Protein backbone atom coordinates (compact mmCIF):
# COMPACT_ATOMS: atom_id res chain seq x y z
CA MET A 1 48.31 145.68 146.02
CA ARG A 2 51.53 143.98 147.44
CA ARG A 3 54.61 144.21 145.65
CA ILE A 4 57.77 142.35 146.59
CA SER A 5 59.52 145.73 147.44
CA ASP A 6 56.91 146.16 150.48
CA TYR A 7 58.96 143.12 152.33
CA ASP A 8 61.75 143.07 153.38
CA GLU A 9 62.61 139.65 153.01
CA LEU A 10 61.46 137.31 149.87
CA GLU A 11 60.31 134.49 152.11
CA PRO A 12 57.04 135.95 152.81
CA VAL A 13 55.70 136.64 149.09
CA GLU A 14 57.02 132.58 148.46
CA GLU A 15 54.46 131.53 151.77
CA GLU A 16 51.70 133.64 150.42
CA VAL A 17 52.07 131.70 146.90
CA VAL A 18 51.97 128.10 148.63
CA GLY A 19 48.90 129.53 150.53
CA LYS A 20 46.96 130.88 147.50
CA GLU A 21 47.97 126.81 145.97
CA GLU A 22 46.59 125.65 149.10
CA LYS A 23 43.50 127.48 148.60
CA ARG A 24 43.30 126.63 144.90
CA GLY A 25 42.86 123.13 145.93
CA GLU A 26 40.19 123.64 148.55
CA SER A 27 38.42 125.69 146.21
CA GLU A 28 38.65 123.15 143.75
CA GLU A 29 37.31 120.27 145.80
CA GLY A 30 34.75 122.44 146.65
CA VAL A 31 33.61 122.52 142.93
CA LYS A 32 33.99 118.89 142.65
CA GLU A 33 31.65 118.37 145.79
CA ALA A 34 29.00 120.89 144.08
CA LYS A 35 29.15 119.12 141.15
CA GLU A 36 28.52 115.31 143.01
CA GLU A 37 25.48 117.31 145.20
CA LYS A 38 24.12 118.52 142.14
CA GLU A 39 24.31 115.21 140.39
CA GLU A 40 22.81 113.42 143.35
CA GLY A 41 19.94 116.06 143.65
CA LYS A 42 20.47 117.56 146.08
CA LYS A 43 21.45 121.65 146.46
CA PRO A 44 24.70 122.62 147.05
CA ALA A 45 25.77 123.16 150.75
CA ALA A 46 26.26 126.75 151.61
CA ALA A 47 29.25 125.97 153.74
CA SER A 48 31.07 124.06 151.02
CA LYS A 49 34.58 125.05 151.03
CA ILE A 50 33.53 127.73 147.75
CA PRO A 51 34.16 131.36 148.47
CA ASP A 52 31.44 133.89 148.20
CA PHE A 53 31.52 136.90 146.07
CA ALA A 54 31.37 138.77 149.11
CA GLU A 55 33.71 137.39 151.29
CA VAL A 56 36.51 137.85 148.16
CA VAL A 57 35.64 141.27 146.72
CA ALA A 58 34.03 143.62 149.22
CA THR A 59 31.10 145.85 147.64
CA PRO A 60 29.88 148.92 148.53
CA PRO A 61 27.32 149.13 150.88
CA LEU A 62 25.55 151.81 149.14
CA GLU A 63 22.31 151.53 148.03
CA GLY A 64 19.73 153.33 146.06
CA GLU A 65 19.07 154.93 142.39
CA ARG A 66 21.70 156.39 140.41
CA ARG A 67 21.66 159.68 139.27
CA ARG A 68 24.39 162.26 137.83
CA ILE A 69 24.61 165.23 140.33
CA GLU A 70 23.48 167.81 137.57
CA GLU A 71 20.26 166.97 139.12
CA ILE A 72 20.82 167.25 142.85
CA LEU A 73 23.07 170.53 142.19
CA GLY A 74 21.18 173.42 144.90
CA LYS A 75 19.25 171.16 146.51
CA PRO A 76 19.00 170.36 150.04
CA ILE A 77 20.50 166.97 150.55
CA VAL A 78 21.47 164.53 153.47
CA VAL A 79 24.99 163.04 152.51
CA GLU A 80 24.40 159.77 154.62
CA ASP A 81 27.91 157.97 153.24
CA TYR A 82 30.37 157.74 150.62
CA ILE A 83 33.36 155.36 149.32
CA GLN A 84 36.52 156.61 147.84
CA LEU A 85 37.35 154.23 144.75
CA GLN A 86 40.78 154.49 141.99
CA SER A 87 39.63 155.49 138.76
CA LYS A 88 39.81 153.06 135.85
CA PHE A 89 39.93 155.85 133.70
CA ARG A 90 41.90 158.75 134.78
CA ASP A 91 44.42 159.65 137.31
CA GLY A 92 42.86 159.78 140.99
CA THR A 93 40.31 158.91 142.61
CA TYR A 94 36.33 159.32 142.84
CA VAL A 95 33.51 159.56 145.34
CA VAL A 96 30.65 157.65 145.34
CA MET A 97 27.87 159.04 147.87
CA LYS A 98 24.82 158.05 149.31
CA VAL A 99 22.60 160.91 149.78
CA ARG A 100 19.05 161.58 150.81
CA VAL A 101 17.25 164.58 148.91
CA GLU A 102 15.08 166.46 150.76
CA GLY A 103 11.14 165.82 150.46
CA GLU A 104 12.36 162.06 149.03
CA ASN A 105 12.11 158.64 150.56
CA GLU A 106 14.46 156.80 148.80
CA PRO A 107 18.53 157.43 148.85
CA VAL A 108 20.14 158.19 145.81
CA THR A 109 23.71 157.46 144.68
CA VAL A 110 25.89 160.42 142.95
CA ALA A 111 29.38 160.11 141.76
CA THR A 112 32.05 162.61 141.32
CA GLY A 113 35.23 163.19 140.82
CA SER A 114 35.44 166.56 142.48
CA GLU A 115 38.87 167.31 144.57
CA VAL A 116 36.53 169.83 146.15
CA LEU A 117 34.51 167.75 147.48
CA GLN A 118 36.35 164.93 148.42
CA GLU A 119 38.61 166.90 150.07
CA GLN A 120 35.26 168.37 151.85
CA LEU A 121 34.11 164.75 152.54
CA GLU A 122 37.09 163.54 154.08
CA MET A 123 36.76 166.87 156.57
CA MET A 124 33.59 165.76 157.76
CA ARG A 125 34.53 162.01 158.22
CA ASP A 126 37.44 163.47 160.33
CA ALA A 127 35.45 165.74 162.37
CA GLY A 128 32.55 162.47 163.23
CA SER A 129 30.27 164.61 161.45
CA ILE A 130 28.74 162.32 159.00
CA PRO A 131 25.72 161.93 158.11
CA PHE A 132 25.51 166.02 157.54
CA ARG A 133 23.21 168.39 155.56
CA ALA A 134 24.20 170.61 152.87
CA LYS A 135 23.78 171.81 148.82
CA ILE A 136 26.00 171.04 146.03
CA VAL A 137 26.86 174.08 144.22
CA ARG A 138 28.69 174.72 141.39
CA LYS A 139 30.77 178.15 141.84
CA SER A 140 33.86 179.78 139.91
CA GLY A 141 37.34 180.31 140.82
CA LYS A 142 40.35 181.13 139.63
CA ARG A 143 40.68 177.65 138.95
CA GLY A 144 37.59 177.12 137.33
CA LYS A 145 34.37 176.17 137.85
CA TYR A 146 34.03 173.50 140.50
CA LEU A 147 31.54 171.94 143.05
CA THR A 148 31.46 172.50 146.49
CA PHE A 149 29.04 171.98 150.03
CA THR A 150 27.46 174.57 150.97
CA SER A 151 24.69 175.07 153.89
CA SER A 152 21.47 173.54 153.23
CA LYS A 153 19.61 176.64 154.97
CA GLY A 154 18.41 179.33 152.48
């Protein structure tokens, strides 16, 4: 999200607003065209000027049955990918991981706000090591209980 303070001058913001007005006009024309085509018995053209949802809002490419993280604790997994998102309920972020549990055919998705897991995922991505094998375990430390990745062996 851009703020006015992010710009050296106010002019680019004004140009951006004008651009949105033009897009809105094009979108309204596209809606009008689609209505006319529908009335004529034609299917609305996919190439109309109406934007597709995925063009406006990037959707995560993660697929799989949603599971609670407790269901995979201690099990060998392969972390295939993850996305980090801003939490709507608290300050900070959370991650949604696409994992494959050993012995299961289909991938699953797991969400967590664990800061330790998020830091470890970032380290693995920076090292170019995703996908990777691991287990997620719960440990106790000076700051209380936390989740962490460990070796999938043993």
